[in-house]
């Protein structure tokens, strides 16, 4: 094959050889600027420590949630409280190497701890745990299936929001059924 404008003649076998050399040359290039976080033994050791911490946390959480399930079946306040304390211990043991790992799972587990304290009847511990939830996961919230805010709902239930303050209750992102029940209780307490 000959191009009229070019003095060079390129053979099909020569094209393949040029492409192969170019591919090998590009494949041998490495990025050295900026400290690639996907390489290096330090990165891999830190990642392995993080994965081990998350694996240990999940095992701990699963045991604590099993206690919560037993509490629900037996309607046992003591088991709810044991489950809540176990979940808190799991979170306390997560360590700095995995402080940002599995954040959504950890939020749901810690929320279960707040609920378990509430179901166990320990409102003081529920308030404390809710405050710890808000500090640990600052700026983040969970939502129930109906869209109600976990934090707003728990603040109302544990008495951090004035139940009798109808204006504050009206703007809280709380389930409408809960709002109606709290208004009914407030009405009957006043009359």
C-alpha atoms as a PDB file:
ATOM      1  CA  UNK A   1       0.000   0.000   0.000  1.00  0.00           C
ATOM      2  CA  UNK A   2       1.468   3.311  -0.985  1.00  0.00           C
ATOM      3  CA  UNK A   3       0.363   6.808  -0.155  1.00  0.00           C
ATOM      4  CA  UNK A   4       0.897   9.274  -2.999  1.00  0.00           C
ATOM      5  CA  UNK A   5       1.739  12.157  -0.675  1.00  0.00           C
ATOM      6  CA  UNK A   6       4.112  10.293   1.636  1.00  0.00           C
ATOM      7  CA  UNK A   7       7.497   8.958   0.647  1.00  0.00           C
ATOM      8  CA  UNK A   8       7.140   6.185   3.270  1.00  0.00           C
ATOM      9  CA  UNK A   9       5.479   2.936   2.722  1.00  0.00           C
ATOM     10  CA  UNK A  10       3.809   1.289   5.778  1.00  0.00           C
ATOM     11  CA  UNK A  11       3.236  -2.418   5.782  1.00  0.00           C
ATOM     12  CA  UNK A  12       0.375  -4.009   7.796  1.00  0.00           C
ATOM     13  CA  UNK A  13       2.874  -6.053   9.852  1.00  0.00           C
ATOM     14  CA  UNK A  14       4.787  -2.846  10.605  1.00  0.00           C
ATOM     15  CA  UNK A  15       1.628  -1.180  11.919  1.00  0.00           C
ATOM     16  CA  UNK A  16       1.107  -3.997  14.399  1.00  0.00           C
ATOM     17  CA  UNK A  17       4.698  -3.755  15.577  1.00  0.00           C
ATOM     18  CA  UNK A  18       4.396   0.024  16.117  1.00  0.00           C
ATOM     19  CA  UNK A  19       1.144  -0.432  18.063  1.00  0.00           C
ATOM     20  CA  UNK A  20       2.675  -3.173  20.212  1.00  0.00           C
ATOM     21  CA  UNK A  21       5.721  -1.034  21.083  1.00  0.00           C
ATOM     22  CA  UNK A  22       3.478   1.948  21.890  1.00  0.00           C
ATOM     23  CA  UNK A  23       1.251  -0.178  24.145  1.00  0.00           C
ATOM     24  CA  UNK A  24       4.261  -1.574  26.014  1.00  0.00           C
ATOM     25  CA  UNK A  25       5.755   1.889  26.443  1.00  0.00           C
ATOM     26  CA  UNK A  26       2.496   3.307  27.830  1.00  0.00           C
ATOM     27  CA  UNK A  27       1.997   0.300  30.096  1.00  0.00           C
ATOM     28  CA  UNK A  28       5.429   0.808  31.634  1.00  0.00           C
ATOM     29  CA  UNK A  29       4.596   4.381  32.662  1.00  0.00           C
ATOM     30  CA  UNK A  30       3.814   5.019  36.328  1.00  0.00           C
ATOM     31  CA  UNK A  31       2.419   8.010  38.108  1.00  0.00           C
ATOM     32  CA  UNK A  32       4.880   9.360  40.660  1.00  0.00           C
ATOM     33  CA  UNK A  33       3.532  12.819  41.422  1.00  0.00           C
ATOM     34  CA  UNK A  34       1.124  13.351  44.298  1.00  0.00           C
ATOM     35  CA  UNK A  35       1.744  10.194  46.319  1.00  0.00           C
ATOM     36  CA  UNK A  36      -0.736   7.683  44.974  1.00  0.00           C
ATOM     37  CA  UNK A  37      -2.747   6.391  47.989  1.00  0.00           C
ATOM     38  CA  UNK A  38      -3.368   3.038  46.338  1.00  0.00           C
ATOM     39  CA  UNK A  39       0.248   1.979  46.711  1.00  0.00           C
ATOM     40  CA  UNK A  40       2.790   1.600  49.397  1.00  0.00           C
ATOM     41  CA  UNK A  41       3.049  -0.724  52.330  1.00  0.00           C
ATOM     42  CA  UNK A  42       1.851   1.902  54.829  1.00  0.00           C
ATOM     43  CA  UNK A  43      -1.420   2.316  52.993  1.00  0.00           C
ATOM     44  CA  UNK A  44      -1.973  -1.428  52.779  1.00  0.00           C
ATOM     45  CA  UNK A  45      -1.197  -1.939  56.477  1.00  0.00           C
ATOM     46  CA  UNK A  46      -3.607   0.860  57.454  1.00  0.00           C
ATOM     47  CA  UNK A  47      -6.300  -0.562  55.188  1.00  0.00           C
ATOM     48  CA  UNK A  48      -5.824  -4.057  56.646  1.00  0.00           C
ATOM     49  CA  UNK A  49      -6.120  -2.642  60.185  1.00  0.00           C
ATOM     50  CA  UNK A  50      -9.290  -0.767  59.203  1.00  0.00           C
ATOM     51  CA  UNK A  51     -10.845  -3.881  57.659  1.00  0.00           C
ATOM     52  CA  UNK A  52      -9.972  -5.972  60.729  1.00  0.00           C
ATOM     53  CA  UNK A  53     -11.505  -3.333  63.038  1.00  0.00           C
ATOM     54  CA  UNK A  54     -14.707  -3.230  60.964  1.00  0.00           C
ATOM     55  CA  UNK A  55     -14.896  -7.039  60.883  1.00  0.00           C
ATOM     56  CA  UNK A  56     -14.529  -7.155  64.699  1.00  0.00           C
ATOM     57  CA  UNK A  57     -17.118  -4.374  65.086  1.00  0.00           C
ATOM     58  CA  UNK A  58     -19.619  -6.231  62.884  1.00  0.00           C
ATOM     59  CA  UNK A  59     -19.198  -9.407  64.903  1.00  0.00           C
ATOM     60  CA  UNK A  60     -19.742  -7.454  68.128  1.00  0.00           C
ATOM     61  CA  UNK A  61     -22.775  -5.652  66.644  1.00  0.00           C
ATOM     62  CA  UNK A  62     -24.350  -8.909  65.478  1.00  0.00           C
ATOM     63  CA  UNK A  63     -24.111 -10.331  69.003  1.00  0.00           C
ATOM     64  CA  UNK A  64     -25.625  -7.155  70.474  1.00  0.00           C
ATOM     65  CA  UNK A  65     -28.480  -7.132  67.961  1.00  0.00           C
ATOM     66  CA  UNK A  66     -29.172 -10.773  68.807  1.00  0.00           C
ATOM     67  CA  UNK A  67     -29.699  -9.614  72.403  1.00  0.00           C
ATOM     68  CA  UNK A  68     -32.099  -6.959  71.145  1.00  0.00           C
ATOM     69  CA  UNK A  69     -34.047  -9.586  69.216  1.00  0.00           C
ATOM     70  CA  UNK A  70     -34.257 -11.757  72.354  1.00  0.00           C
ATOM     71  CA  UNK A  71     -35.460  -8.728  74.321  1.00  0.00           C
ATOM     72  CA  UNK A  72     -38.233  -8.114  71.792  1.00  0.00           C
ATOM     73  CA  UNK A  73     -39.382 -11.750  71.911  1.00  0.00           C
ATOM     74  CA  UNK A  74     -39.322 -11.862  75.722  1.00  0.00           C
ATOM     75  CA  UNK A  75     -40.499  -8.254  76.214  1.00  0.00           C
ATOM     76  CA  UNK A  76     -37.592  -7.903  78.633  1.00  0.00           C
ATOM     77  CA  UNK A  77     -36.471  -4.387  79.627  1.00  0.00           C
ATOM     78  CA  UNK A  78     -33.289  -5.833  81.154  1.00  0.00           C
ATOM     79  CA  UNK A  79     -32.308  -7.471  77.860  1.00  0.00           C
ATOM     80  CA  UNK A  80     -32.984  -4.238  75.983  1.00  0.00           C
ATOM     81  CA  UNK A  81     -30.628  -2.445  78.352  1.00  0.00           C
ATOM     82  CA  UNK A  82     -28.003  -5.181  77.963  1.00  0.00           C
ATOM     83  CA  UNK A  83     -28.262  -4.887  74.191  1.00  0.00           C
ATOM     84  CA  UNK A  84     -27.920  -1.098  74.333  1.00  0.00           C
ATOM     85  CA  UNK A  85     -24.793  -1.335  76.505  1.00  0.00           C
ATOM     86  CA  UNK A  86     -23.334  -4.003  74.193  1.00  0.00           C
ATOM     87  CA  UNK A  87     -23.837  -1.806  71.108  1.00  0.00           C
ATOM     88  CA  UNK A  88     -22.188   1.121  72.905  1.00  0.00           C
ATOM     89  CA  UNK A  89     -19.241  -1.115  73.801  1.00  0.00           C
ATOM     90  CA  UNK A  90     -18.912  -2.156  70.159  1.00  0.00           C
ATOM     91  CA  UNK A  91     -18.816   1.479  69.062  1.00  0.00           C
ATOM     92  CA  UNK A  92     -16.315   2.386  71.787  1.00  0.00           C
ATOM     93  CA  UNK A  93     -14.034  -0.396  70.566  1.00  0.00           C
ATOM     94  CA  UNK A  94     -13.986   0.689  66.921  1.00  0.00           C
ATOM     95  CA  UNK A  95     -10.729   2.605  67.399  1.00  0.00           C
ATOM     96  CA  UNK A  96      -9.237   5.472  65.412  1.00  0.00           C
ATOM     97  CA  UNK A  97      -8.104   3.265  62.515  1.00  0.00           C
ATOM     98  CA  UNK A  98     -11.729   2.740  61.478  1.00  0.00           C
ATOM     99  CA  UNK A  99     -13.396   5.895  62.797  1.00  0.00           C
ATOM    100  CA  UNK A 100     -14.758   6.760  59.349  1.00  0.00           C
ATOM    101  CA  UNK A 101     -15.426   3.212  58.152  1.00  0.00           C
ATOM    102  CA  UNK A 102     -18.894   1.688  57.788  1.00  0.00           C
ATOM    103  CA  UNK A 103     -20.440   4.953  58.992  1.00  0.00           C
ATOM    104  CA  UNK A 104     -24.019   4.177  57.865  1.00  0.00           C
ATOM    105  CA  UNK A 105     -23.987   0.733  59.510  1.00  0.00           C
ATOM    106  CA  UNK A 106     -22.581   2.214  62.688  1.00  0.00           C
ATOM    107  CA  UNK A 107     -25.231   4.957  62.703  1.00  0.00           C
ATOM    108  CA  UNK A 108     -28.038   2.394  62.448  1.00  0.00           C
ATOM    109  CA  UNK A 109     -26.513   0.271  65.228  1.00  0.00           C
ATOM    110  CA  UNK A 110     -26.037   3.280  67.506  1.00  0.00           C
ATOM    111  CA  UNK A 111     -29.622   4.344  66.817  1.00  0.00           C
ATOM    112  CA  UNK A 112     -30.692   0.851  67.911  1.00  0.00           C
ATOM    113  CA  UNK A 113     -28.792   1.483  71.137  1.00  0.00           C
ATOM    114  CA  UNK A 114     -30.750   4.693  71.757  1.00  0.00           C
ATOM    115  CA  UNK A 115     -34.021   2.856  71.074  1.00  0.00           C
ATOM    116  CA  UNK A 116     -33.029  -0.064  73.295  1.00  0.00           C
ATOM    117  CA  UNK A 117     -32.304   2.293  76.204  1.00  0.00           C
ATOM    118  CA  UNK A 118     -35.721   3.852  75.621  1.00  0.00           C
ATOM    119  CA  UNK A 119     -37.478   0.473  75.397  1.00  0.00           C
ATOM    120  CA  UNK A 120     -35.628  -0.649  78.520  1.00  0.00           C
ATOM    121  CA  UNK A 121     -37.037   2.347  80.382  1.00  0.00           C
ATOM    122  CA  UNK A 122     -33.745   4.176  81.015  1.00  0.00           C
ATOM    123  CA  UNK A 123     -34.543   7.661  79.699  1.00  0.00           C
ATOM    124  CA  UNK A 124     -31.379   9.153  81.189  1.00  0.00           C
ATOM    125  CA  UNK A 125     -29.215   6.683  79.254  1.00  0.00           C
ATOM    126  CA  UNK A 126     -31.357   7.199  76.133  1.00  0.00           C
ATOM    127  CA  UNK A 127     -30.742  10.982  76.339  1.00  0.00           C
ATOM    128  CA  UNK A 128     -27.018  10.451  76.887  1.00  0.00           C
ATOM    129  CA  UNK A 129     -26.751   7.979  74.018  1.00  0.00           C
ATOM    130  CA  UNK A 130     -28.758  10.252  71.721  1.00  0.00           C
ATOM    131  CA  UNK A 131     -26.348  13.090  72.537  1.00  0.00           C
ATOM    132  CA  UNK A 132     -23.408  10.799  71.785  1.00  0.00           C
ATOM    133  CA  UNK A 133     -25.078   9.791  68.497  1.00  0.00           C
ATOM    134  CA  UNK A 134     -25.437  13.445  67.509  1.00  0.00           C
ATOM    135  CA  UNK A 135     -21.805  14.194  68.429  1.00  0.00           C
ATOM    136  CA  UNK A 136     -20.314  11.120  66.803  1.00  0.00           C
ATOM    137  CA  UNK A 137     -22.294  11.499  63.569  1.00  0.00           C
ATOM    138  CA  UNK A 138     -22.532  15.301  63.516  1.00  0.00           C
ATOM    139  CA  UNK A 139     -24.738  16.721  60.793  1.00  0.00           C
ATOM    140  CA  UNK A 140     -26.180  13.323  59.861  1.00  0.00           C
ATOM    141  CA  UNK A 141     -29.533  11.778  60.665  1.00  0.00           C
ATOM    142  CA  UNK A 142     -31.506   8.634  59.938  1.00  0.00           C
ATOM    143  CA  UNK A 143     -35.076   8.598  58.703  1.00  0.00           C
ATOM    144  CA  UNK A 144     -37.896   6.183  59.385  1.00  0.00           C
ATOM    145  CA  UNK A 145     -39.878   4.675  56.496  1.00  0.00           C
ATOM    146  CA  UNK A 146     -42.418   7.522  56.680  1.00  0.00           C
ATOM    147  CA  UNK A 147     -39.648  10.141  56.412  1.00  0.00           C
ATOM    148  CA  UNK A 148     -39.671  11.141  60.081  1.00  0.00           C
ATOM    149  CA  UNK A 149     -36.313  12.138  61.525  1.00  0.00           C
ATOM    150  CA  UNK A 150     -34.757   9.717  64.006  1.00  0.00           C
ATOM    151  CA  UNK A 151     -33.145  12.549  65.981  1.00  0.00           C
ATOM    152  CA  UNK A 152     -36.290  14.704  66.145  1.00  0.00           C
ATOM    153  CA  UNK A 153     -38.430  11.711  67.123  1.00  0.00           C
ATOM    154  CA  UNK A 154     -36.069  10.589  69.858  1.00  0.00           C
ATOM    155  CA  UNK A 155     -35.710  14.142  71.206  1.00  0.00           C
ATOM    156  CA  UNK A 156     -39.479  14.253  71.638  1.00  0.00           C
ATOM    157  CA  UNK A 157     -39.700  10.762  73.149  1.00  0.00           C
ATOM    158  CA  UNK A 158     -36.900  11.253  75.698  1.00  0.00           C
ATOM    159  CA  UNK A 159     -38.127  14.692  76.705  1.00  0.00           C
ATOM    160  CA  UNK A 160     -35.423  16.868  75.158  1.00  0.00           C
ATOM    161  CA  UNK A 161     -38.107  18.763  73.255  1.00  0.00           C
ATOM    162  CA  UNK A 162     -40.946  20.245  75.244  1.00  0.00           C
ATOM    163  CA  UNK A 163     -43.903  17.999  74.519  1.00  0.00           C
ATOM    164  CA  UNK A 164     -46.302  20.700  75.598  1.00  0.00           C
ATOM    165  CA  UNK A 165     -44.797  23.248  73.223  1.00  0.00           C
ATOM    166  CA  UNK A 166     -47.139  22.647  70.300  1.00  0.00           C
ATOM    167  CA  UNK A 167     -45.270  25.060  68.033  1.00  0.00           C
ATOM    168  CA  UNK A 168     -41.988  23.198  68.487  1.00  0.00           C
ATOM    169  CA  UNK A 169     -43.727  19.869  68.032  1.00  0.00           C
ATOM    170  CA  UNK A 170     -45.427  21.101  64.864  1.00  0.00           C
ATOM    171  CA  UNK A 171     -42.129  21.871  63.120  1.00  0.00           C
ATOM    172  CA  UNK A 172     -40.334  18.734  64.314  1.00  0.00           C
ATOM    173  CA  UNK A 173     -39.892  16.062  61.653  1.00  0.00           C
ATOM    174  CA  UNK A 174     -41.819  13.510  63.701  1.00  0.00           C
ATOM    175  CA  UNK A 175     -44.412  10.944  62.656  1.00  0.00           C
ATOM    176  CA  UNK A 176     -47.905  12.463  62.474  1.00  0.00           C
ATOM    177  CA  UNK A 177     -49.357   9.651  64.600  1.00  0.00           C
ATOM    178  CA  UNK A 178     -46.829  10.374  67.348  1.00  0.00           C
ATOM    179  CA  UNK A 179     -47.642  14.092  67.205  1.00  0.00           C
ATOM    180  CA  UNK A 180     -51.365  13.359  67.499  1.00  0.00           C
ATOM    181  CA  UNK A 181     -50.820  11.004  70.447  1.00  0.00           C
ATOM    182  CA  UNK A 182     -48.637  13.544  72.269  1.00  0.00           C
ATOM    183  CA  UNK A 183     -51.244  16.262  71.704  1.00  0.00           C
ATOM    184  CA  UNK A 184     -53.949  13.930  73.040  1.00  0.00           C
ATOM    185  CA  UNK A 185     -51.892  13.165  76.170  1.00  0.00           C
ATOM    186  CA  UNK A 186     -51.202  16.877  76.691  1.00  0.00           C
ATOM    187  CA  UNK A 187     -54.899  17.701  76.329  1.00  0.00           C
ATOM    188  CA  UNK A 188     -55.943  15.118  78.942  1.00  0.00           C
ATOM    189  CA  UNK A 189     -53.187  16.203  81.324  1.00  0.00           C
ATOM    190  CA  UNK A 190     -54.498  19.789  81.230  1.00  0.00           C
ATOM    191  CA  UNK A 191     -58.197  18.873  81.605  1.00  0.00           C
END
